[in-house]
């Protein structure tokens, strides 16, 4: 249940802190005072959509913090899996909204929206006018029924979903295989030819063409290189007068001179090093010039190889890497269209088995839905009788579909008759506003008991009702509040009078519009209920309010 709520810079609220009780909590105030803003804030902490327009004008951020206590039904392993500290049975959830982003935290740790949605279903159920509209849509009825069918049914639905998607995938593969079997044989042959042409080139190095060009350049100019290198060798060491001999004479002279001046010894060492280095160079140049030859057979082989590689690059890509990538694409294309009859037979056999499994599982799901639909219909009908609809008949109609779909092989629709002379018709088409409110309350009461959710929030569940129906709704909410925390916005004094915890919301407009919330004591509760009852506080309305609160 929600223990505490803190709001800052949110829409019209500067700063607000509220402490809730464990039973029935009610919000009252004039229309437009901002009651729904508070419910909206709670909804946002639990994952509702946010926008920067929620930040109070002139402020940089908005923040909402909820302190929630959970019971033994809450799966603490979700907290552990997400690295969230366990604080007894307390969970502090917060939402911070800035101009550019929003962040959610649980016990101080950043969490994702998926995590928030996971824990929401164990903690809270918020019923708003928008949700009423959702409940009226026939396509939502199957999900509402499934939510009431229990964990075993939920497991069957998950298994069905996996099987159904397998069925769709097999159908897709089979259709593709059959069309591929009739594909142009020329296309298959051409793909195989292209793959073979690239594979036969045996490309193992994507830089092979560049290396071959470098080698060809050397071999094609072998004679010129030989001449230049040998000439360089002769200059260094080969002639009568050469560089190394001249340097050796220099070395001898410096050696003699250094015996007179030690400062020259360092230069003598450098000259010795230079002579040794040039001797090595001259030796390399001599060997190189003797060994290099114009190998015309090798030149032919390199040119042929380069011609093959260039041909492949012209056809399949600008580089050898691109050529190999294109080959992989050809292989993939071929795998998609080159199906054999054996492949098709295997797919047909697997599809047949999957259909049989789908039929069995969807039949089990239908059976459960039909059984629970009957039980739920009786429960809702009984609740509606308590809510001043004594002749109401509520039925959940489960009818078979011709083929499987995402949710099984059933169509589910909520039907209702509020007049004894009429057969049940679709809920959205027959019930009035006040009747819809009571149907929603009946459904929520039953679902809350089945789901073991701690907190149920009603945003004006009493729309369109008055008189004895209002009294019945008040009694129903109060009964639910014995086992759940109930937070409700109401405009009816008879409902407000039942709440032990009463918050009054008031909007003030001086320099700026602000919302204030007052936690009323007994005397102010009387005044608030009196004001709701007659529009003014008089002796008569005060006595009426006291009477309502004492009942």
Protein backbone atom coordinates (compact mmCIF):
# COMPACT_ATOMS: atom_id res chain seq x y z
CA UNK A 1 0.00 0.00 0.00
CA UNK A 2 1.01 3.63 -0.49
CA UNK A 3 2.18 5.20 2.75
CA UNK A 4 3.57 8.52 1.62
CA UNK A 5 3.55 10.73 -1.46
CA UNK A 6 5.89 13.68 -2.10
CA UNK A 7 5.46 15.97 -5.12
CA UNK A 8 7.58 18.93 -6.19
CA UNK A 9 7.21 21.35 -9.13
CA UNK A 10 4.60 19.13 -10.80
CA UNK A 11 2.07 20.94 -13.04
CA UNK A 12 0.39 23.34 -10.55
CA UNK A 13 1.87 21.88 -7.37
CA UNK A 14 4.83 23.66 -5.77
CA UNK A 15 5.49 21.17 -3.01
CA UNK A 16 3.23 18.59 -1.41
CA UNK A 17 3.52 15.69 1.02
CA UNK A 18 0.65 13.35 1.88
CA UNK A 19 0.41 10.41 4.27
CA UNK A 20 -2.22 7.79 3.43
CA UNK A 21 -4.04 5.34 5.64
CA UNK A 22 -4.39 1.64 4.96
CA UNK A 23 -8.18 1.68 4.38
CA UNK A 24 -10.39 4.15 2.53
CA UNK A 25 -8.82 7.47 1.45
CA UNK A 26 -10.85 10.06 -0.38
CA UNK A 27 -10.07 13.26 -2.31
CA UNK A 28 -12.72 15.93 -2.66
CA UNK A 29 -12.79 19.49 -3.94
CA UNK A 30 -14.45 21.59 -6.59
CA UNK A 31 -14.38 20.52 -10.22
CA UNK A 32 -11.05 21.53 -11.75
CA UNK A 33 -9.35 21.93 -8.36
CA UNK A 34 -6.60 19.46 -9.38
CA UNK A 35 -7.59 16.18 -7.74
CA UNK A 36 -6.73 14.14 -10.81
CA UNK A 37 -3.26 15.71 -10.90
CA UNK A 38 -2.42 13.80 -7.72
CA UNK A 39 -3.63 10.51 -9.20
CA UNK A 40 -1.70 11.35 -12.36
CA UNK A 41 1.47 11.82 -10.29
CA UNK A 42 1.07 8.35 -8.75
CA UNK A 43 0.40 6.89 -12.19
CA UNK A 44 3.60 8.46 -13.56
CA UNK A 45 5.73 6.91 -10.82
CA UNK A 46 4.26 3.58 -11.89
CA UNK A 47 5.23 4.04 -15.54
CA UNK A 48 2.65 6.32 -17.18
CA UNK A 49 3.84 8.53 -20.03
CA UNK A 50 5.65 11.74 -19.07
CA UNK A 51 6.42 15.00 -20.85
CA UNK A 52 8.29 18.21 -20.05
CA UNK A 53 4.92 20.02 -19.96
CA UNK A 54 4.38 18.37 -16.54
CA UNK A 55 7.10 20.57 -15.02
CA UNK A 56 5.68 23.60 -13.22
CA UNK A 57 6.14 26.80 -15.21
CA UNK A 58 9.41 28.51 -14.31
CA UNK A 59 11.01 25.39 -12.81
CA UNK A 60 13.78 23.18 -14.23
CA UNK A 61 12.52 19.83 -13.00
CA UNK A 62 9.64 17.99 -11.36
CA UNK A 63 9.93 15.12 -8.88
CA UNK A 64 7.51 12.58 -7.42
CA UNK A 65 8.32 10.09 -4.66
CA UNK A 66 6.17 7.26 -3.33
CA UNK A 67 6.81 5.12 -0.29
CA UNK A 68 5.06 1.79 -0.71
CA UNK A 69 4.79 -1.20 1.59
CA UNK A 70 4.34 -4.60 0.01
CA UNK A 71 3.15 -7.92 1.45
CA UNK A 72 4.24 -11.55 1.08
CA UNK A 73 2.70 -11.81 -2.41
CA UNK A 74 5.27 -9.38 -3.82
CA UNK A 75 8.17 -11.22 -5.55
CA UNK A 76 11.29 -9.79 -3.89
CA UNK A 77 13.47 -11.67 -6.38
CA UNK A 78 12.62 -8.94 -8.91
CA UNK A 79 14.41 -6.47 -6.65
CA UNK A 80 17.43 -8.73 -6.19
CA UNK A 81 17.69 -9.43 -9.92
CA UNK A 82 17.86 -5.70 -10.57
CA UNK A 83 20.42 -4.98 -7.85
CA UNK A 84 17.97 -3.10 -5.63
CA UNK A 85 18.54 -2.95 -1.90
CA UNK A 86 15.90 -4.72 0.22
CA UNK A 87 14.54 -2.40 2.93
CA UNK A 88 12.28 -4.68 4.91
CA UNK A 89 9.01 -4.61 3.02
CA UNK A 90 9.35 -0.94 2.05
CA UNK A 91 9.88 0.29 -1.50
CA UNK A 92 10.66 3.93 -2.28
CA UNK A 93 9.83 4.72 -5.89
CA UNK A 94 10.67 8.06 -7.47
CA UNK A 95 10.46 9.85 -10.78
CA UNK A 96 12.46 12.92 -11.78
CA UNK A 97 11.47 14.82 -14.91
CA UNK A 98 13.71 17.40 -16.60
CA UNK A 99 13.38 19.32 -19.85
CA UNK A 100 15.27 16.60 -21.70
CA UNK A 101 14.73 13.30 -19.87
CA UNK A 102 13.13 11.42 -16.99
CA UNK A 103 14.62 8.94 -14.51
CA UNK A 104 13.01 6.27 -12.35
CA UNK A 105 14.53 4.94 -9.13
CA UNK A 106 13.66 2.17 -6.70
CA UNK A 107 15.25 2.39 -3.23
CA UNK A 108 17.76 4.81 -4.74
CA UNK A 109 18.80 2.62 -7.70
CA UNK A 110 18.11 3.65 -11.28
CA UNK A 111 15.57 1.32 -12.92
CA UNK A 112 14.02 0.87 -16.34
CA UNK A 113 10.41 1.36 -17.43
CA UNK A 114 10.17 -2.41 -17.96
CA UNK A 115 11.05 -2.95 -14.28
CA UNK A 116 8.41 -0.42 -13.18
CA UNK A 117 5.77 -2.17 -15.31
CA UNK A 118 6.79 -5.51 -13.78
CA UNK A 119 6.24 -4.40 -10.20
CA UNK A 120 3.14 -2.31 -10.92
CA UNK A 121 0.96 -5.37 -11.42
CA UNK A 122 1.80 -6.55 -7.90
CA UNK A 123 1.19 -3.23 -6.15
CA UNK A 124 -1.48 -1.01 -7.64
CA UNK A 125 -4.49 -0.74 -9.92
CA UNK A 126 -5.56 2.73 -11.08
CA UNK A 127 -8.97 3.08 -12.64
CA UNK A 128 -9.45 6.29 -14.60
CA UNK A 129 -11.99 7.51 -17.12
CA UNK A 130 -9.57 6.43 -19.86
CA UNK A 131 -9.50 2.91 -18.44
CA UNK A 132 -13.30 2.86 -18.44
CA UNK A 133 -13.14 3.55 -22.17
CA UNK A 134 -10.61 0.71 -22.55
CA UNK A 135 -12.88 -1.70 -20.65
CA UNK A 136 -15.72 -0.88 -23.03
CA UNK A 137 -13.69 -1.93 -26.08
CA UNK A 138 -14.51 -5.49 -27.07
CA UNK A 139 -10.91 -6.25 -28.12
CA UNK A 140 -9.80 -5.70 -24.49
CA UNK A 141 -12.30 -8.12 -22.98
CA UNK A 142 -10.27 -11.23 -23.79
CA UNK A 143 -7.28 -9.81 -21.87
CA UNK A 144 -9.46 -8.90 -18.88
CA UNK A 145 -10.89 -12.42 -18.79
CA UNK A 146 -7.42 -13.99 -19.15
CA UNK A 147 -6.13 -11.90 -16.23
CA UNK A 148 -8.76 -13.55 -14.04
CA UNK A 149 -8.01 -17.12 -15.16
CA UNK A 150 -5.01 -17.81 -12.93
CA UNK A 151 -1.35 -18.79 -13.28
CA UNK A 152 -1.87 -22.13 -15.03
CA UNK A 153 -3.90 -20.42 -17.73
CA UNK A 154 -1.21 -17.73 -18.04
CA UNK A 155 1.39 -20.47 -18.60
CA UNK A 156 -0.83 -22.02 -21.30
CA UNK A 157 -1.11 -18.61 -23.00
CA UNK A 158 2.66 -18.20 -23.04
CA UNK A 159 3.10 -21.68 -24.51
CA UNK A 160 0.38 -20.95 -27.07
CA UNK A 161 2.06 -17.67 -28.06
CA UNK A 162 5.36 -19.46 -28.72
CA UNK A 163 3.60 -22.16 -30.70
CA UNK A 164 1.52 -19.66 -32.71
CA UNK A 165 4.59 -17.68 -33.76
CA UNK A 166 6.28 -20.93 -34.75
CA UNK A 167 3.18 -21.75 -36.82
CA UNK A 168 3.35 -18.36 -38.59
CA UNK A 169 7.08 -18.78 -39.27
CA UNK A 170 6.60 -22.28 -40.67
CA UNK A 171 3.81 -21.03 -42.95
CA UNK A 172 6.08 -18.26 -44.17
CA UNK A 173 8.96 -20.66 -44.83
CA UNK A 174 6.70 -23.14 -46.61
CA UNK A 175 5.20 -20.48 -48.90
CA UNK A 176 8.70 -19.26 -49.71
CA UNK A 177 9.96 -22.79 -50.33
CA UNK A 178 7.11 -23.58 -52.71
CA UNK A 179 7.60 -20.39 -54.68
CA UNK A 180 11.35 -20.95 -54.69
CA UNK A 181 10.92 -24.45 -56.10
CA UNK A 182 9.34 -22.84 -59.15
CA UNK A 183 11.96 -20.10 -59.35
CA UNK A 184 13.83 -19.55 -62.60
CA UNK A 185 16.40 -22.33 -62.93
CA UNK A 186 18.60 -19.85 -64.77
CA UNK A 187 18.75 -17.66 -61.65
CA UNK A 188 19.87 -20.59 -59.48
CA UNK A 189 22.45 -21.69 -62.08
CA UNK A 190 23.78 -18.16 -62.44
CA UNK A 191 24.19 -17.76 -58.67
CA UNK A 192 26.04 -21.07 -58.50
CA UNK A 193 28.29 -19.98 -61.40
CA UNK A 194 29.14 -16.69 -59.66
CA UNK A 195 29.92 -18.43 -56.37
CA UNK A 196 32.09 -21.02 -58.16
CA UNK A 197 33.94 -18.32 -60.14
CA UNK A 198 34.92 -16.48 -56.95
CA UNK A 199 35.73 -19.64 -54.98
CA UNK A 200 37.99 -21.00 -57.74
CA UNK A 201 40.12 -17.85 -57.48
CA UNK A 202 41.08 -19.05 -53.96
CA UNK A 203 41.46 -15.58 -52.53
CA UNK A 204 42.99 -15.91 -49.06
CA UNK A 205 44.54 -12.44 -48.73
CA UNK A 206 42.45 -9.33 -49.43
CA UNK A 207 45.70 -7.41 -50.06
CA UNK A 208 47.02 -9.93 -52.60
CA UNK A 209 46.49 -7.69 -55.65
CA UNK A 210 48.51 -4.82 -54.17
CA UNK A 211 51.38 -7.15 -53.25
CA UNK A 212 51.39 -8.66 -56.75
CA UNK A 213 51.54 -5.22 -58.34
CA UNK A 214 54.59 -4.37 -56.25
CA UNK A 215 56.31 -7.63 -57.19
CA UNK A 216 55.48 -7.13 -60.90
CA UNK A 217 56.99 -3.63 -60.79
CA UNK A 218 60.29 -5.07 -59.52
CA UNK A 219 60.44 -7.95 -62.03
CA UNK A 220 59.48 -5.77 -65.00
CA UNK A 221 62.38 -3.40 -64.27
CA UNK A 222 64.93 -6.03 -63.21
CA UNK A 223 67.63 -5.07 -65.75
CA UNK A 224 67.46 -1.39 -64.89
CA UNK A 225 67.50 -2.13 -61.18
CA UNK A 226 70.46 -4.54 -61.66
CA UNK A 227 72.44 -1.88 -63.53
CA UNK A 228 71.74 0.85 -61.00
CA UNK A 229 72.52 -1.35 -58.00
CA UNK A 230 75.76 -2.73 -59.50
CA UNK A 231 76.91 0.76 -60.39
CA UNK A 232 76.28 1.81 -56.81
CA UNK A 233 78.31 -1.16 -55.57
CA UNK A 234 81.22 -0.22 -57.84
CA UNK A 235 81.20 3.32 -56.50
CA UNK A 236 81.27 2.11 -52.93
CA UNK A 237 83.79 -0.73 -53.20
CA UNK A 238 84.44 -2.07 -56.65
CA UNK A 239 86.76 0.35 -58.48
CA UNK A 240 90.38 1.34 -57.99
CA UNK A 241 89.23 4.47 -56.29
CA UNK A 242 86.09 3.92 -54.24
CA UNK A 243 84.28 5.47 -51.35
CA UNK A 244 85.24 2.80 -48.80
CA UNK A 245 88.95 2.97 -49.72
CA UNK A 246 88.86 6.75 -49.48
CA UNK A 247 87.17 6.53 -46.07
CA UNK A 248 89.75 3.98 -44.93
CA UNK A 249 92.49 6.51 -45.76
CA UNK A 250 90.57 9.14 -43.83
CA UNK A 251 90.32 6.74 -40.89
CA UNK A 252 94.11 6.10 -40.93
CA UNK A 253 94.84 9.83 -40.97
CA UNK A 254 92.46 10.57 -38.12
CA UNK A 255 93.88 7.62 -36.15
CA UNK A 256 97.37 9.09 -36.39
CA UNK A 257 96.10 12.57 -35.55
CA UNK A 258 94.20 11.33 -32.50
CA UNK A 259 97.46 10.07 -31.00
CA UNK A 260 98.36 13.74 -30.71
CA UNK A 261 94.86 15.04 -29.87
CA UNK A 262 92.55 12.76 -27.90
CA UNK A 263 89.55 14.91 -28.92
CA UNK A 264 89.73 13.31 -32.40
CA UNK A 265 89.21 9.77 -31.06
CA UNK A 266 85.41 10.12 -31.09
CA UNK A 267 85.51 11.02 -34.78
CA UNK A 268 87.81 8.11 -35.48
CA UNK A 269 85.16 5.80 -33.94
CA UNK A 270 82.43 7.35 -36.10
CA UNK A 271 84.49 6.87 -39.27
CA UNK A 272 85.20 3.23 -38.36
CA UNK A 273 81.41 2.72 -37.92
CA UNK A 274 80.72 4.39 -41.26
CA UNK A 275 83.27 2.19 -43.05
CA UNK A 276 81.78 -1.01 -41.51
CA UNK A 277 78.23 0.04 -42.42
CA UNK A 278 79.19 0.88 -46.00
CA UNK A 279 80.99 -2.47 -46.35
CA UNK A 280 77.72 -4.25 -45.34
CA UNK A 281 75.76 -2.11 -47.78
CA UNK A 282 78.23 -2.76 -50.57
CA UNK A 283 78.07 -6.50 -49.87
CA UNK A 284 74.24 -6.45 -50.04
CA UNK A 285 74.25 -4.45 -53.29
CA UNK A 286 76.74 -6.86 -54.87
CA UNK A 287 74.63 -9.90 -53.91
CA UNK A 288 71.40 -8.19 -54.98
CA UNK A 289 72.77 -7.24 -58.41
CA UNK A 290 74.09 -10.79 -58.95
CA UNK A 291 70.79 -12.46 -57.99
CA UNK A 292 68.15 -10.22 -59.61
CA UNK A 293 67.01 -11.48 -63.00
CA UNK A 294 64.08 -10.82 -65.30
CA UNK A 295 62.00 -13.99 -64.56
CA UNK A 296 59.64 -13.78 -67.56
CA UNK A 297 57.69 -16.90 -66.57
CA UNK A 298 56.97 -15.45 -63.15
CA UNK A 299 56.00 -12.12 -64.74
CA UNK A 300 53.50 -13.99 -66.93
CA UNK A 301 52.08 -15.84 -63.90
CA UNK A 302 51.68 -12.60 -61.92
CA UNK A 303 50.05 -10.82 -64.85
CA UNK A 304 47.62 -13.71 -65.33
CA UNK A 305 46.77 -13.71 -61.61
CA UNK A 306 46.27 -9.92 -61.61
CA UNK A 307 44.10 -10.17 -64.70
CA UNK A 308 41.89 -12.74 -62.95
CA UNK A 309 41.64 -10.65 -59.76
CA UNK A 310 40.89 -7.47 -61.72
CA UNK A 311 38.19 -9.30 -63.68
CA UNK A 312 36.55 -10.36 -60.40
CA UNK A 313 36.80 -6.79 -59.06
CA UNK A 314 35.18 -5.40 -62.21
CA UNK A 315 32.28 -7.85 -61.83
CA UNK A 316 31.76 -8.04 -58.07
CA UNK A 317 33.37 -5.14 -56.22
CA UNK A 318 36.11 -2.53 -56.19
CA UNK A 319 38.31 -4.51 -53.79
CA UNK A 320 39.04 -8.17 -53.08
CA UNK A 321 37.31 -7.73 -49.73
CA UNK A 322 34.17 -6.53 -51.57
CA UNK A 323 34.42 -9.53 -53.93
CA UNK A 324 34.41 -11.96 -50.97
CA UNK A 325 31.51 -10.10 -49.34
CA UNK A 326 29.54 -10.38 -52.57
CA UNK A 327 30.19 -14.12 -52.64
CA UNK A 328 28.62 -14.43 -49.17
CA UNK A 329 25.57 -12.52 -50.42
CA UNK A 330 25.26 -14.91 -53.37
CA UNK A 331 25.46 -17.88 -50.96
CA UNK A 332 22.71 -16.35 -48.80
CA UNK A 333 20.50 -15.65 -51.83
CA UNK A 334 20.99 -19.17 -53.08
CA UNK A 335 20.12 -20.67 -49.68
CA UNK A 336 16.82 -18.80 -49.74
CA UNK A 337 15.70 -20.01 -53.14
CA UNK A 338 17.44 -23.35 -53.58
CA UNK A 339 14.90 -25.53 -51.75
CA UNK A 340 14.43 -29.17 -52.61
CA UNK A 341 11.24 -31.20 -52.51
CA UNK A 342 12.56 -32.93 -49.41
CA UNK A 343 12.79 -29.56 -47.63
CA UNK A 344 9.16 -28.82 -48.49
CA UNK A 345 8.00 -32.22 -47.25
CA UNK A 346 9.84 -31.69 -43.95
CA UNK A 347 8.26 -28.25 -43.52
CA UNK A 348 4.79 -29.61 -44.30
CA UNK A 349 5.24 -32.38 -41.74
CA UNK A 350 6.45 -29.95 -39.05
CA UNK A 351 3.59 -27.57 -39.83
CA UNK A 352 1.06 -30.38 -39.53
CA UNK A 353 2.43 -31.34 -36.09
CA UNK A 354 2.35 -27.69 -35.00
CA UNK A 355 -1.29 -27.36 -36.10
CA UNK A 356 -2.21 -30.41 -34.04
CA UNK A 357 -0.47 -28.95 -30.99
CA UNK A 358 -2.15 -25.57 -31.56
CA UNK A 359 -5.55 -27.20 -31.78
CA UNK A 360 -5.02 -29.07 -28.51
CA UNK A 361 -3.63 -26.07 -26.62
CA UNK A 362 -6.16 -23.56 -27.95
CA UNK A 363 -8.92 -26.04 -27.03
CA UNK A 364 -7.60 -26.17 -23.46
CA UNK A 365 -7.47 -22.35 -23.36
CA UNK A 366 -11.04 -22.11 -24.68
CA UNK A 367 -12.25 -24.58 -22.05
CA UNK A 368 -10.66 -22.56 -19.25
CA UNK A 369 -12.02 -19.29 -20.62
CA UNK A 370 -15.53 -20.67 -20.92
CA UNK A 371 -15.45 -22.04 -17.38
CA UNK A 372 -14.01 -18.87 -15.81
CA UNK A 373 -16.27 -16.67 -17.95
CA UNK A 374 -19.27 -18.37 -16.37
CA UNK A 375 -17.86 -17.95 -12.85
CA UNK A 376 -16.88 -14.32 -13.44
CA UNK A 377 -20.26 -13.52 -15.00
CA UNK A 378 -22.02 -14.82 -11.88
CA UNK A 379 -19.69 -12.85 -9.59
CA UNK A 380 -20.18 -9.59 -11.52
CA UNK A 381 -23.94 -10.11 -11.66
CA UNK A 382 -23.98 -10.63 -7.88
CA UNK A 383 -21.90 -7.47 -7.34
CA UNK A 384 -24.25 -5.48 -9.62
CA UNK A 385 -27.21 -6.55 -7.51
CA UNK A 386 -25.45 -5.09 -4.49
CA UNK A 387 -24.94 -1.90 -6.51
CA UNK A 388 -28.66 -1.23 -7.02
CA UNK A 389 -28.93 -3.09 -10.33
CA UNK A 390 -31.11 -5.98 -9.08
CA UNK A 391 -32.27 -7.06 -12.53
CA UNK A 392 -28.86 -6.84 -14.17
CA UNK A 393 -27.51 -9.87 -15.99
CA UNK A 394 -23.84 -9.78 -16.87
CA UNK A 395 -22.51 -12.39 -19.28
CA UNK A 396 -19.11 -13.00 -20.82
CA UNK A 397 -19.64 -14.46 -24.24
CA UNK A 398 -16.87 -16.77 -25.53
CA UNK A 399 -17.40 -17.67 -29.20
CA UNK A 400 -15.11 -19.70 -31.49
CA UNK A 401 -13.11 -18.17 -34.34
CA UNK A 402 -12.51 -19.91 -37.67
CA UNK A 403 -8.73 -19.78 -37.28
CA UNK A 404 -6.06 -19.13 -34.70
CA UNK A 405 -4.92 -15.61 -33.84
CA UNK A 406 -2.52 -14.02 -31.34
CA UNK A 407 -4.85 -14.71 -28.40
CA UNK A 408 -6.11 -18.17 -29.32
CA UNK A 409 -9.23 -19.25 -31.18
CA UNK A 410 -11.83 -17.27 -29.23
CA UNK A 411 -13.73 -14.03 -29.41
CA UNK A 412 -14.64 -12.64 -25.98
CA UNK A 413 -17.19 -9.91 -25.31
CA UNK A 414 -18.81 -8.53 -22.16
CA UNK A 415 -22.61 -8.47 -22.41
CA UNK A 416 -25.15 -6.88 -20.08
CA UNK A 417 -28.86 -6.47 -19.62
CA UNK A 418 -30.16 -4.09 -16.96
CA UNK A 419 -33.83 -4.62 -17.84
CA UNK A 420 -35.58 -7.90 -17.21
CA UNK A 421 -37.32 -7.81 -20.60
CA UNK A 422 -34.14 -7.51 -22.68
CA UNK A 423 -31.50 -10.09 -23.58
CA UNK A 424 -27.87 -9.17 -22.82
CA UNK A 425 -26.24 -6.96 -25.42
CA UNK A 426 -22.67 -5.60 -25.81
CA UNK A 427 -21.65 -3.59 -22.75
CA UNK A 428 -20.55 -0.51 -24.71
CA UNK A 429 -23.89 -0.24 -26.53
CA UNK A 430 -26.43 -0.72 -23.77
CA UNK A 431 -25.29 0.56 -20.37
CA UNK A 432 -25.79 4.17 -19.27
CA UNK A 433 -23.03 6.27 -17.64
CA UNK A 434 -24.15 5.37 -14.12
CA UNK A 435 -24.51 1.71 -15.00
CA UNK A 436 -21.05 1.67 -16.59
CA UNK A 437 -19.58 3.11 -13.38
CA UNK A 438 -21.13 0.34 -11.33
CA UNK A 439 -20.02 -2.35 -13.78
CA UNK A 440 -16.47 -0.97 -13.57
CA UNK A 441 -16.62 -0.97 -9.76
CA UNK A 442 -17.91 -4.54 -9.74
CA UNK A 443 -15.15 -5.70 -12.09
CA UNK A 444 -12.46 -3.85 -10.18
CA UNK A 445 -13.64 -5.24 -6.86
CA UNK A 446 -13.55 -8.81 -8.15
CA UNK A 447 -10.24 -8.39 -10.00
CA UNK A 448 -8.60 -6.74 -6.99
CA UNK A 449 -9.53 -9.67 -4.78
CA UNK A 450 -8.27 -12.17 -7.34
CA UNK A 451 -4.98 -10.34 -8.09
CA UNK A 452 -4.11 -9.71 -4.42
CA UNK A 453 -3.21 -6.11 -5.29
CA UNK A 454 -2.82 -3.95 -2.19
CA UNK A 455 -3.94 -0.58 -3.55
CA UNK A 456 -6.89 0.29 -5.77
CA UNK A 457 -7.35 3.86 -7.00
CA UNK A 458 -10.64 5.15 -8.40
CA UNK A 459 -10.66 8.41 -10.34
CA UNK A 460 -14.37 9.38 -10.18
CA UNK A 461 -15.84 5.86 -10.26
CA UNK A 462 -19.12 7.44 -9.10
CA UNK A 463 -19.80 9.30 -12.37
CA UNK A 464 -23.47 9.41 -13.32
CA UNK A 465 -24.93 7.94 -10.12
CA UNK A 466 -26.98 9.34 -7.26
CA UNK A 467 -29.51 8.37 -4.61
CA UNK A 468 -29.63 4.74 -3.51
CA UNK A 469 -27.10 3.78 -6.21
CA UNK A 470 -24.61 6.18 -4.63
CA UNK A 471 -25.21 4.60 -1.22
CA UNK A 472 -24.63 1.16 -2.73
CA UNK A 473 -21.39 2.29 -4.38
CA UNK A 474 -20.22 3.80 -1.09
CA UNK A 475 -20.96 0.53 0.73
CA UNK A 476 -19.13 -1.46 -1.96
CA UNK A 477 -16.02 0.74 -1.76
CA UNK A 478 -16.05 0.58 2.02
CA UNK A 479 -16.30 -3.23 1.88
CA UNK A 480 -13.34 -3.36 -0.53
CA UNK A 481 -11.40 -1.05 1.81
CA UNK A 482 -11.58 -3.69 4.56
CA UNK A 483 -9.08 -5.81 2.61
CA UNK A 484 -7.41 -3.21 0.38
CA UNK A 485 -6.15 0.32 0.47
CA UNK A 486 -8.62 2.35 -1.58
CA UNK A 487 -7.89 5.87 -2.83
CA UNK A 488 -10.81 7.58 -4.53
CA UNK A 489 -11.75 10.91 -6.05
CA UNK A 490 -15.43 11.62 -5.51
CA UNK A 491 -18.03 14.35 -5.88
CA UNK A 492 -20.66 12.51 -3.83
CA UNK A 493 -21.04 13.40 -0.13
CA UNK A 494 -22.35 9.95 0.72
CA UNK A 495 -19.09 8.37 -0.51
CA UNK A 496 -16.81 11.03 0.99
CA UNK A 497 -18.51 10.59 4.37
CA UNK A 498 -17.45 6.92 4.50
CA UNK A 499 -13.72 7.66 4.27
CA UNK A 500 -11.67 7.75 7.51
CA UNK A 501 -8.97 9.66 5.60
CA UNK A 502 -10.25 12.75 3.80
CA UNK A 503 -8.12 15.10 1.67
CA UNK A 504 -9.56 18.37 0.41
CA UNK A 505 -8.02 19.84 -2.77
CA UNK A 506 -8.23 23.57 -3.39
CA UNK A 507 -6.93 25.68 -6.24
CA UNK A 508 -5.85 29.25 -5.50
CA UNK A 509 -5.17 31.95 -8.08
CA UNK A 510 -3.30 35.02 -6.85
CA UNK A 511 -0.01 35.89 -8.63
CA UNK A 512 0.05 32.30 -9.97
CA UNK A 513 -2.25 29.29 -9.97
CA UNK A 514 -1.45 26.82 -7.19
CA UNK A 515 -2.92 23.63 -5.79
CA UNK A 516 -3.10 22.98 -2.06
CA UNK A 517 -4.21 19.77 -0.36
CA UNK A 518 -5.54 19.68 3.20
CA UNK A 519 -5.68 16.57 5.38
CA UNK A 520 -9.01 17.20 7.14
CA UNK A 521 -9.74 16.56 10.78
CA UNK A 522 -13.20 15.49 11.92
CA UNK A 523 -14.67 19.00 12.09
CA UNK A 524 -13.38 19.98 8.67
CA UNK A 525 -14.62 16.68 7.22
CA UNK A 526 -18.11 17.66 8.35
CA UNK A 527 -17.75 21.05 6.67
CA UNK A 528 -16.45 19.49 3.44
CA UNK A 529 -19.27 16.93 3.24
CA UNK A 530 -21.82 19.64 4.08
CA UNK A 531 -20.46 21.82 1.29
CA UNK A 532 -20.63 18.92 -1.17
CA UNK A 533 -24.21 18.18 -0.14
CA UNK A 534 -25.74 21.64 -0.53
CA UNK A 535 -23.12 23.95 -1.98
CA UNK A 536 -22.92 25.91 1.29
CA UNK A 537 -22.36 25.24 4.95
CA UNK A 538 -25.61 25.66 6.86
CA UNK A 539 -27.00 24.13 10.00
CA UNK A 540 -29.12 21.81 7.91
CA UNK A 541 -26.25 20.71 5.63
CA UNK A 542 -23.96 20.29 8.66
CA UNK A 543 -26.50 18.08 10.43
CA UNK A 544 -26.91 16.08 7.20
CA UNK A 545 -23.13 15.65 6.93
CA UNK A 546 -22.89 14.48 10.56
CA UNK A 547 -25.62 11.97 9.95
CA UNK A 548 -23.88 10.60 6.85
CA UNK A 549 -20.61 10.24 8.73
CA UNK A 550 -22.21 8.48 11.68
CA UNK A 551 -24.03 5.89 9.55
